[in-house]
Amino acid sequence: MKKKNWIYLGALLFVTLLGACKSNDKVTDVVTTPDQPLFMDGQVVTSDLEKNGVVIESMIDTVVNLGSSDAPALFYLNGKHTLNGVQMEKGNQPSNAFRSITRQELHAFIEVWGKAYGIPVDLADNSAAALKKRQLAYFILQDFLRRNNVDLPLLVSLSNTASNLKSSISLVEACSLANDNQKVINSPNTAGNMLRAIETSGIQPSEITKAIQNNGLNETDFFNLVNKRGINFPATLKSGASTEGEIADVVEAISEGYVKVAKILVWFIQHGAPSVDLEDTYVSYVNKGDTIPMDYFGSQTSTSPTYSVKYCTLATASFYMETEYNAVHQTLPGHFITRAGMIVQSVRCSGGMHVDGSTSFEIPTTTGSDTNPIASVDGTVTLNYGDCCCFARTANLTFNLTGDKGYQETTWVPQTK
């Protein structure tokens, strides 16, 4: 077990939420219409992510109906995916902001998906009966992605075997069901956050389901327990597990009630507009001996680049993070973060589109020394956007906040695991 990272309530950090009002010139343009598909079979869709006005990552996809005319199943198949103008060798990797899959990758996956649902898919068989089975498999897949708000490339990445796919499916559905049944608001335990945590930890989905079952629980009961106890499961997973033995320890600790982690998920864009209640809400990482951020002084302000996500011209969002760091206390040692939050510059959402954005913060730790602890926390900005009938596009930006350096971007940095 990575004991240094298991400093939950004992860490010299405390998380608080501060409300702050700002006057700014946010631009919001929201038009709502009945749900009708904006993209149809054969249309080309572009997704761009800009940093300070310069396109960093770009995808060009084609919408393809892999279902039938009566039961369409619309998917994005990638034709071009570039980083700084250079074609990526692999579009589906965790260091990207966007993740893409090709026709060949999707075809390989649908065979595994069909097997998990008892639907034999044979891509070499072009008979009417075989085509009908293939279309059914794609239709079920589309429904699964839309119901659970899951990014298909991420699911593909984690489902290298039928066993891992079945485990991913059961974990996703249990996570969504637990949130729905308990009417959990602003939970970090979303299906997407969980799958990204599994991938980042370098573990297999089947290892998690095995550990849950070994503790006498099914997946839904486990996530009901996670929500009831206020545990940030994705953050806990990232902090404490990278082997099968460690994930077993994590699940056991959660089951026995040894882990208590505050839920930190801040929505800054909801339903195509800046979140009125939360857009100027900040998190703070200060010494648990004094949890009042105003008691800290000497802070510096760190401003991230301005990021803009664009889905053609129909859905766009621009935002940046502002962090007050290097704060010190008159009597308590260390360098702390008195506040950090996402500032929305603009959101434009045309009729039939949606844009939602959130920032999830992980378990804080300290670096430095006992006599000079430095607050540190990782986070992920997630943007979901798209129309009603293709599964949503997802953009993820990762970052690190420290008490001595402020904001540091970690997206596009290859992972070592």
Protein backbone atom coordinates (compact mmCIF):
# COMPACT_ATOMS: atom_id res chain seq x y z
CA MET A 1 0.00 0.00 0.00
CA LYS A 2 1.26 3.47 -0.83
CA LYS A 3 1.14 4.82 2.71
CA LYS A 4 2.32 8.31 1.80
CA ASN A 5 -0.81 8.81 -0.27
CA TRP A 6 -3.14 7.39 2.37
CA ILE A 7 -3.12 10.63 4.36
CA TYR A 8 -6.81 11.38 4.34
CA LEU A 9 -8.00 12.99 7.52
CA GLY A 10 -4.48 12.99 8.94
CA ALA A 11 -2.94 15.17 6.23
CA LEU A 12 -2.07 18.76 7.03
CA LEU A 13 -4.76 19.83 4.63
CA PHE A 14 -8.36 20.78 4.93
CA VAL A 15 -10.81 21.35 2.11
CA THR A 16 -13.28 24.21 2.32
CA LEU A 17 -15.61 25.85 -0.17
CA LEU A 18 -15.72 29.61 -0.45
CA GLY A 19 -18.35 31.66 -2.22
CA ALA A 20 -17.10 34.75 -4.03
CA CYS A 21 -18.95 37.14 -6.31
CA LYS A 22 -17.23 38.65 -9.28
CA SER A 23 -18.28 41.09 -11.94
CA ASN A 24 -17.21 39.87 -15.35
CA ASP A 25 -18.28 39.87 -18.96
CA LYS A 26 -19.18 36.22 -19.40
CA VAL A 27 -20.94 35.58 -22.69
CA THR A 28 -23.77 33.09 -22.67
CA ASP A 29 -25.90 32.16 -25.64
CA VAL A 30 -28.32 29.32 -25.01
CA VAL A 31 -31.11 28.27 -27.35
CA THR A 32 -33.30 25.33 -26.38
CA THR A 33 -35.33 23.31 -28.86
CA PRO A 34 -36.93 19.87 -28.79
CA ASP A 35 -34.42 17.05 -28.99
CA GLN A 36 -33.70 16.46 -32.65
CA PRO A 37 -30.48 15.04 -34.07
CA LEU A 38 -28.22 17.73 -35.50
CA PHE A 39 -25.77 15.29 -37.03
CA MET A 40 -26.72 12.52 -39.39
CA ASP A 41 -25.04 9.68 -41.17
CA GLY A 42 -22.16 10.89 -43.33
CA GLN A 43 -21.67 14.30 -41.74
CA VAL A 44 -18.21 15.52 -40.77
CA VAL A 45 -17.76 16.84 -37.23
CA THR A 46 -14.77 18.80 -35.91
CA SER A 47 -13.65 19.12 -32.30
CA ASP A 48 -10.93 21.61 -31.36
CA LEU A 49 -9.23 22.53 -28.13
CA GLU A 50 -7.46 25.88 -28.06
CA LYS A 51 -5.02 27.24 -25.51
CA ASN A 52 -4.76 31.03 -25.46
CA GLY A 53 -6.34 31.13 -28.92
CA VAL A 54 -4.04 28.56 -30.53
CA VAL A 55 -5.42 25.17 -31.59
CA ILE A 56 -3.53 22.48 -29.67
CA GLU A 57 -5.58 19.34 -30.27
CA SER A 58 -8.03 18.73 -33.10
CA MET A 59 -10.24 15.85 -34.25
CA ILE A 60 -12.11 15.40 -37.50
CA ASP A 61 -14.69 12.63 -37.31
CA THR A 62 -17.40 11.28 -39.57
CA VAL A 63 -20.81 10.34 -38.18
CA VAL A 64 -21.72 6.82 -39.28
CA ASN A 65 -24.99 4.95 -38.71
CA LEU A 66 -23.98 1.43 -37.72
CA GLY A 67 -27.53 0.51 -36.79
CA SER A 68 -30.47 0.28 -39.14
CA SER A 69 -32.67 2.95 -40.68
CA ASP A 70 -35.42 2.08 -38.21
CA ALA A 71 -33.10 1.87 -35.20
CA PRO A 72 -30.13 4.14 -35.96
CA ALA A 73 -26.92 3.84 -33.95
CA LEU A 74 -24.75 6.89 -34.63
CA PHE A 75 -21.02 6.76 -33.95
CA TYR A 76 -18.02 8.98 -34.57
CA LEU A 77 -15.25 7.40 -36.62
CA ASN A 78 -12.01 9.31 -36.65
CA GLY A 79 -10.33 10.43 -39.83
CA LYS A 80 -7.76 12.84 -38.41
CA HIS A 81 -6.51 13.56 -34.90
CA THR A 82 -3.68 16.03 -34.45
CA LEU A 83 -1.64 17.48 -31.58
CA ASN A 84 0.09 20.77 -32.40
CA GLY A 85 -0.71 20.14 -36.04
CA VAL A 86 0.96 16.71 -36.16
CA GLN A 87 -1.07 13.56 -36.74
CA MET A 88 -1.18 11.38 -33.63
CA GLU A 89 0.05 7.82 -33.84
CA LYS A 90 -2.58 6.81 -31.28
CA GLY A 91 -5.72 8.82 -30.78
CA ASN A 92 -7.05 6.79 -27.86
CA GLN A 93 -4.65 7.44 -24.99
CA PRO A 94 -5.11 8.99 -21.53
CA SER A 95 -2.66 11.86 -22.08
CA ASN A 96 -4.93 13.35 -24.77
CA ALA A 97 -7.60 15.92 -24.05
CA PHE A 98 -9.76 14.23 -26.72
CA ARG A 99 -9.87 10.51 -27.39
CA SER A 100 -10.68 9.09 -30.78
CA ILE A 101 -11.20 5.68 -32.33
CA THR A 102 -10.96 4.50 -35.91
CA ARG A 103 -13.33 2.27 -37.81
CA GLN A 104 -10.94 -0.65 -37.40
CA GLU A 105 -10.77 -0.17 -33.62
CA LEU A 106 -14.54 0.04 -33.30
CA HIS A 107 -15.08 -3.05 -35.44
CA ALA A 108 -12.65 -5.01 -33.27
CA PHE A 109 -14.44 -3.82 -30.14
CA ILE A 110 -17.96 -4.66 -31.33
CA GLU A 111 -17.04 -8.32 -31.58
CA VAL A 112 -16.03 -8.31 -27.90
CA TRP A 113 -19.11 -6.24 -27.01
CA GLY A 114 -21.43 -8.67 -28.82
CA LYS A 115 -19.87 -11.60 -27.01
CA ALA A 116 -20.51 -9.91 -23.64
CA TYR A 117 -24.21 -9.62 -24.54
CA GLY A 118 -24.53 -13.05 -26.13
CA ILE A 119 -24.78 -11.61 -29.64
CA PRO A 120 -22.38 -13.33 -32.05
CA VAL A 121 -20.83 -10.67 -34.30
CA ASP A 122 -18.92 -11.88 -37.36
CA LEU A 123 -17.60 -8.99 -39.42
CA ALA A 124 -16.68 -11.34 -42.24
CA ASP A 125 -20.28 -12.51 -42.59
CA ASN A 126 -22.32 -10.10 -44.73
CA SER A 127 -25.53 -12.10 -44.78
CA ALA A 128 -28.79 -10.40 -43.78
CA ALA A 129 -28.96 -12.36 -40.53
CA ALA A 130 -25.38 -11.46 -39.56
CA LEU A 131 -25.95 -7.80 -40.43
CA LYS A 132 -29.04 -7.70 -38.22
CA LYS A 133 -27.08 -9.06 -35.25
CA ARG A 134 -24.28 -6.54 -35.83
CA GLN A 135 -26.75 -3.65 -36.00
CA LEU A 136 -28.39 -4.83 -32.77
CA ALA A 137 -25.02 -4.93 -31.00
CA TYR A 138 -24.26 -1.36 -32.09
CA PHE A 139 -27.71 -0.17 -31.05
CA ILE A 140 -27.29 -1.66 -27.56
CA LEU A 141 -23.84 -0.08 -27.32
CA GLN A 142 -25.18 3.36 -28.25
CA ASP A 143 -27.92 3.08 -25.65
CA PHE A 144 -25.41 2.05 -22.97
CA LEU A 145 -23.14 5.01 -23.73
CA ARG A 146 -25.95 7.56 -23.70
CA ARG A 147 -27.63 6.26 -20.54
CA ASN A 148 -24.41 6.21 -18.56
CA ASN A 149 -22.64 9.21 -20.13
CA VAL A 150 -19.56 7.16 -20.98
CA ASP A 151 -16.87 8.11 -23.49
CA LEU A 152 -16.62 5.20 -25.94
CA PRO A 153 -12.84 5.36 -26.53
CA LEU A 154 -12.27 5.08 -22.77
CA LEU A 155 -14.49 2.00 -22.59
CA VAL A 156 -12.64 0.49 -25.56
CA SER A 157 -9.28 1.14 -23.90
CA LEU A 158 -10.30 -0.74 -20.75
CA SER A 159 -11.96 -3.68 -22.50
CA ASN A 160 -9.07 -5.61 -23.98
CA THR A 161 -10.74 -8.87 -22.92
CA ALA A 162 -14.33 -10.06 -22.61
CA SER A 163 -13.82 -10.41 -18.85
CA ASN A 164 -12.67 -6.81 -18.46
CA LEU A 165 -15.51 -5.56 -20.64
CA LYS A 166 -18.11 -7.41 -18.56
CA SER A 167 -16.56 -5.94 -15.42
CA SER A 168 -16.55 -2.44 -16.93
CA ILE A 169 -20.21 -2.80 -17.87
CA SER A 170 -21.23 -3.99 -14.39
CA LEU A 171 -19.22 -1.22 -12.68
CA VAL A 172 -20.62 1.51 -14.93
CA GLU A 173 -24.22 0.39 -14.54
CA ALA A 174 -23.85 -0.05 -10.77
CA CYS A 175 -22.27 3.39 -10.41
CA SER A 176 -25.06 5.06 -12.42
CA LEU A 177 -27.80 3.13 -10.63
CA ALA A 178 -26.46 4.03 -7.20
CA ASN A 179 -26.33 7.72 -8.10
CA ASP A 180 -29.84 7.65 -9.56
CA ASN A 181 -31.42 5.67 -6.71
CA GLN A 182 -29.89 7.85 -4.02
CA LYS A 183 -30.44 11.04 -5.99
CA VAL A 184 -26.81 11.99 -5.40
CA ILE A 185 -26.03 15.57 -6.45
CA ASN A 186 -22.55 16.63 -7.57
CA SER A 187 -21.01 13.25 -6.84
CA PRO A 188 -17.47 12.61 -8.11
CA ASN A 189 -18.46 8.96 -8.43
CA THR A 190 -19.57 9.20 -12.04
CA ALA A 191 -19.01 6.35 -14.47
CA GLY A 192 -16.57 8.44 -16.50
CA ASN A 193 -14.51 9.47 -13.45
CA MET A 194 -14.39 5.89 -12.26
CA LEU A 195 -13.20 4.49 -15.60
CA ARG A 196 -10.50 7.16 -15.90
CA ALA A 197 -9.32 6.32 -12.38
CA ILE A 198 -9.12 2.64 -13.26
CA GLU A 199 -7.05 3.39 -16.34
CA THR A 200 -4.76 5.85 -14.53
CA SER A 201 -4.15 3.36 -11.72
CA GLY A 202 -3.00 0.73 -14.22
CA ILE A 203 -5.34 -1.91 -12.82
CA GLN A 204 -7.90 -4.10 -14.58
CA PRO A 205 -11.68 -3.65 -14.19
CA SER A 206 -11.97 -7.37 -13.44
CA GLU A 207 -9.69 -6.89 -10.41
CA ILE A 208 -12.15 -4.40 -8.94
CA THR A 209 -15.22 -6.60 -9.41
CA LYS A 210 -13.30 -9.53 -7.92
CA ALA A 211 -12.33 -7.47 -4.87
CA ILE A 212 -15.90 -6.25 -4.38
CA GLN A 213 -17.32 -9.77 -4.59
CA ASN A 214 -14.66 -11.08 -2.22
CA ASN A 215 -16.03 -8.62 0.35
CA GLY A 216 -19.49 -10.14 0.05
CA LEU A 217 -20.98 -7.29 -1.99
CA ASN A 218 -22.29 -6.84 -5.48
CA GLU A 219 -21.27 -3.79 -7.50
CA THR A 220 -24.47 -1.80 -6.85
CA ASP A 221 -24.31 -2.42 -3.09
CA PHE A 222 -20.69 -1.30 -3.13
CA PHE A 223 -21.43 2.02 -4.84
CA ASN A 224 -24.44 2.58 -2.59
CA LEU A 225 -22.00 2.23 0.31
CA VAL A 226 -19.48 4.55 -1.33
CA ASN A 227 -22.10 7.28 -1.77
CA LYS A 228 -23.59 6.78 1.69
CA ARG A 229 -20.19 7.27 3.32
CA GLY A 230 -19.28 10.27 1.19
CA ILE A 231 -16.27 8.63 -0.40
CA ASN A 232 -14.63 9.91 -3.56
CA PHE A 233 -14.00 6.48 -5.05
CA PRO A 234 -12.06 7.56 -8.17
CA ALA A 235 -9.70 9.70 -6.07
CA THR A 236 -9.28 6.93 -3.51
CA LEU A 237 -8.51 4.47 -6.28
CA LYS A 238 -5.85 6.72 -7.82
CA SER A 239 -4.20 7.33 -4.47
CA GLY A 240 -4.08 3.82 -3.12
CA ALA A 241 -4.09 1.19 -5.85
CA SER A 242 -1.83 0.05 -8.66
CA THR A 243 -1.76 -3.71 -8.06
CA GLU A 244 -4.40 -6.35 -7.46
CA GLY A 245 -3.38 -6.61 -3.81
CA GLU A 246 -3.67 -2.86 -3.31
CA ILE A 247 -7.09 -2.62 -4.95
CA ALA A 248 -8.25 -5.41 -2.63
CA ASP A 249 -7.01 -3.35 0.32
CA VAL A 250 -8.81 -0.24 -0.98
CA VAL A 251 -12.12 -2.06 -1.42
CA GLU A 252 -11.80 -3.68 2.02
CA ALA A 253 -11.03 -0.33 3.66
CA ILE A 254 -14.11 1.22 2.04
CA SER A 255 -16.29 -1.74 2.98
CA GLU A 256 -15.15 -1.61 6.60
CA GLY A 257 -15.63 2.16 6.82
CA TYR A 258 -11.95 3.05 7.29
CA VAL A 259 -11.86 5.55 4.44
CA LYS A 260 -13.72 8.84 4.66
CA VAL A 261 -13.06 11.32 1.90
CA ALA A 262 -15.06 14.48 1.20
CA LYS A 263 -16.81 14.67 -2.15
CA ILE A 264 -15.19 17.45 -4.16
CA LEU A 265 -16.81 18.05 -7.54
CA VAL A 266 -17.48 21.59 -8.74
CA TRP A 267 -19.76 22.18 -11.72
CA PHE A 268 -18.90 25.37 -13.57
CA ILE A 269 -21.03 24.86 -16.69
CA GLN A 270 -24.44 23.22 -16.56
CA HIS A 271 -27.03 22.87 -19.30
CA GLY A 272 -25.09 25.07 -21.69
CA ALA A 273 -24.61 28.01 -19.32
CA PRO A 274 -22.27 29.02 -16.47
CA SER A 275 -23.46 27.44 -13.23
CA VAL A 276 -24.96 30.38 -11.37
CA ASP A 277 -24.55 28.87 -7.93
CA LEU A 278 -21.11 27.35 -8.32
CA GLU A 279 -19.22 29.23 -11.05
CA ASP A 280 -17.41 31.40 -8.49
CA THR A 281 -16.98 28.74 -5.85
CA TYR A 282 -13.44 27.85 -4.92
CA VAL A 283 -11.70 25.04 -3.09
CA SER A 284 -9.06 25.75 -0.47
CA TYR A 285 -6.25 23.56 0.84
CA VAL A 286 -5.04 24.92 4.17
CA ASN A 287 -3.71 23.63 7.48
CA LYS A 288 -6.28 21.70 9.50
CA GLY A 289 -5.17 23.73 12.53
CA ASP A 290 -6.85 26.80 11.00
CA THR A 291 -9.43 26.25 8.27
CA ILE A 292 -10.23 29.92 7.70
CA PRO A 293 -8.50 30.94 4.43
CA MET A 294 -8.61 34.63 5.38
CA ASP A 295 -6.15 33.88 8.21
CA TYR A 296 -3.45 33.16 5.62
CA PHE A 297 -1.46 35.92 3.95
CA GLY A 298 1.21 36.65 1.35
CA SER A 299 -0.43 34.59 -1.40
CA GLN A 300 0.42 34.90 -5.09
CA THR A 301 -2.06 34.53 -7.95
CA SER A 302 -1.52 31.94 -10.65
CA THR A 303 -3.70 32.05 -13.77
CA SER A 304 -3.86 29.10 -16.14
CA PRO A 305 -4.02 29.50 -19.91
CA THR A 306 -7.48 30.14 -21.31
CA TYR A 307 -8.84 26.91 -22.74
CA SER A 308 -11.55 26.84 -25.40
CA VAL A 309 -13.38 23.70 -26.46
CA LYS A 310 -15.26 23.87 -29.75
CA TYR A 311 -17.66 21.38 -31.29
CA CYS A 312 -17.98 22.72 -34.83
CA THR A 313 -19.54 26.15 -34.24
CA LEU A 314 -22.56 24.80 -32.38
CA ALA A 315 -21.11 24.38 -28.90
CA THR A 316 -18.16 26.29 -27.46
CA ALA A 317 -16.86 27.02 -23.98
CA SER A 318 -13.90 29.09 -22.76
CA PHE A 319 -12.54 29.01 -19.21
CA TYR A 320 -9.43 29.30 -17.07
CA MET A 321 -8.37 28.46 -13.52
CA GLU A 322 -7.33 31.06 -11.00
CA THR A 323 -5.26 29.92 -8.01
CA GLU A 324 -4.06 31.81 -4.95
CA TYR A 325 -1.05 29.92 -3.65
CA ASN A 326 2.13 30.33 -1.58
CA ALA A 327 -0.01 31.48 1.32
CA VAL A 328 1.49 31.23 4.80
CA HIS A 329 0.12 31.33 8.33
CA GLN A 330 1.45 33.38 11.22
CA THR A 331 2.01 30.35 13.45
CA LEU A 332 1.41 27.20 11.37
CA PRO A 333 4.22 26.03 9.06
CA GLY A 334 3.78 25.38 5.37
CA HIS A 335 2.70 26.85 2.03
CA PHE A 336 -0.97 26.56 1.19
CA ILE A 337 -3.63 27.23 -1.42
CA THR A 338 -6.21 29.66 -0.12
CA ARG A 339 -8.48 29.29 -3.11
CA ALA A 340 -8.58 27.79 -6.58
CA GLY A 341 -11.51 27.84 -8.97
CA MET A 342 -12.63 27.79 -12.56
CA ILE A 343 -13.62 31.06 -14.23
CA VAL A 344 -15.99 30.80 -17.19
CA GLN A 345 -15.31 33.34 -19.91
CA SER A 346 -17.98 32.30 -22.38
CA VAL A 347 -20.41 29.54 -23.28
CA ARG A 348 -22.27 29.30 -26.56
CA CYS A 349 -24.73 26.47 -27.09
CA SER A 350 -26.97 26.26 -30.11
CA GLY A 351 -30.39 24.63 -30.15
CA GLY A 352 -30.31 20.87 -29.71
CA MET A 353 -26.81 20.94 -28.20
CA HIS A 354 -25.61 20.58 -24.63
CA VAL A 355 -22.47 21.64 -22.78
CA ASP A 356 -21.63 20.63 -19.21
CA GLY A 357 -18.35 21.18 -17.40
CA SER A 358 -17.03 20.12 -14.01
CA THR A 359 -13.79 20.08 -12.05
CA SER A 360 -13.01 17.09 -9.84
CA PHE A 361 -10.32 17.36 -7.18
CA GLU A 362 -8.46 14.35 -5.85
CA ILE A 363 -7.20 13.52 -2.38
CA PRO A 364 -4.76 16.23 -1.26
CA THR A 365 -1.29 15.32 -0.09
CA THR A 366 1.73 17.21 1.16
CA THR A 367 5.20 17.48 -0.28
CA GLY A 368 8.20 19.17 1.31
CA SER A 369 8.95 18.27 4.94
CA ASP A 370 7.21 18.02 8.29
CA THR A 371 8.55 21.45 9.19
CA ASN A 372 7.54 22.95 5.85
CA PRO A 373 4.60 21.00 4.35
CA ILE A 374 3.45 22.09 0.89
CA ALA A 375 -0.15 21.51 -0.13
CA SER A 376 -0.58 19.53 -3.34
CA VAL A 377 -3.65 18.26 -5.22
CA ASP A 378 -4.38 16.89 -8.69
CA GLY A 379 -7.54 17.68 -10.60
CA THR A 380 -9.39 17.08 -13.85
CA VAL A 381 -11.61 19.42 -15.84
CA THR A 382 -14.23 17.49 -17.81
CA LEU A 383 -16.37 18.93 -20.61
CA ASN A 384 -19.23 16.89 -22.06
CA TYR A 385 -20.85 18.31 -25.16
CA GLY A 386 -22.76 17.22 -28.24
CA ASP A 387 -26.24 16.84 -29.62
CA CYS A 388 -29.05 14.67 -28.34
CA CYS A 389 -28.59 11.60 -30.44
CA CYS A 390 -24.89 10.90 -30.92
CA PHE A 391 -23.22 9.97 -27.65
CA ALA A 392 -21.49 13.00 -26.14
CA ARG A 393 -18.01 14.14 -26.94
CA THR A 394 -15.74 14.43 -23.93
CA ALA A 395 -12.72 16.64 -23.29
CA ASN A 396 -10.50 16.17 -20.22
CA LEU A 397 -7.81 18.54 -18.99
CA THR A 398 -5.64 17.47 -16.05
CA PHE A 399 -3.65 19.73 -13.75
CA ASN A 400 -1.74 19.90 -10.48
CA LEU A 401 -1.97 22.60 -7.82
CA THR A 402 0.79 23.10 -5.26
CA GLY A 403 1.27 25.55 -2.44
CA ASP A 404 4.63 26.69 -3.79
CA LYS A 405 4.05 26.75 -7.58
CA GLY A 406 0.32 27.22 -8.12
CA TYR A 407 -1.21 25.81 -11.32
CA GLN A 408 0.63 23.35 -13.55
CA GLU A 409 -0.91 21.76 -16.64
CA THR A 410 -0.43 17.98 -16.94
CA THR A 411 -2.49 17.23 -20.05
CA TRP A 412 -0.51 15.98 -23.04
CA VAL A 413 2.22 14.66 -20.75
CA PRO A 414 2.65 10.92 -21.46
CA GLN A 415 1.97 8.75 -18.42
CA THR A 416 4.74 6.55 -17.11
CA LYS A 417 2.49 3.62 -16.20
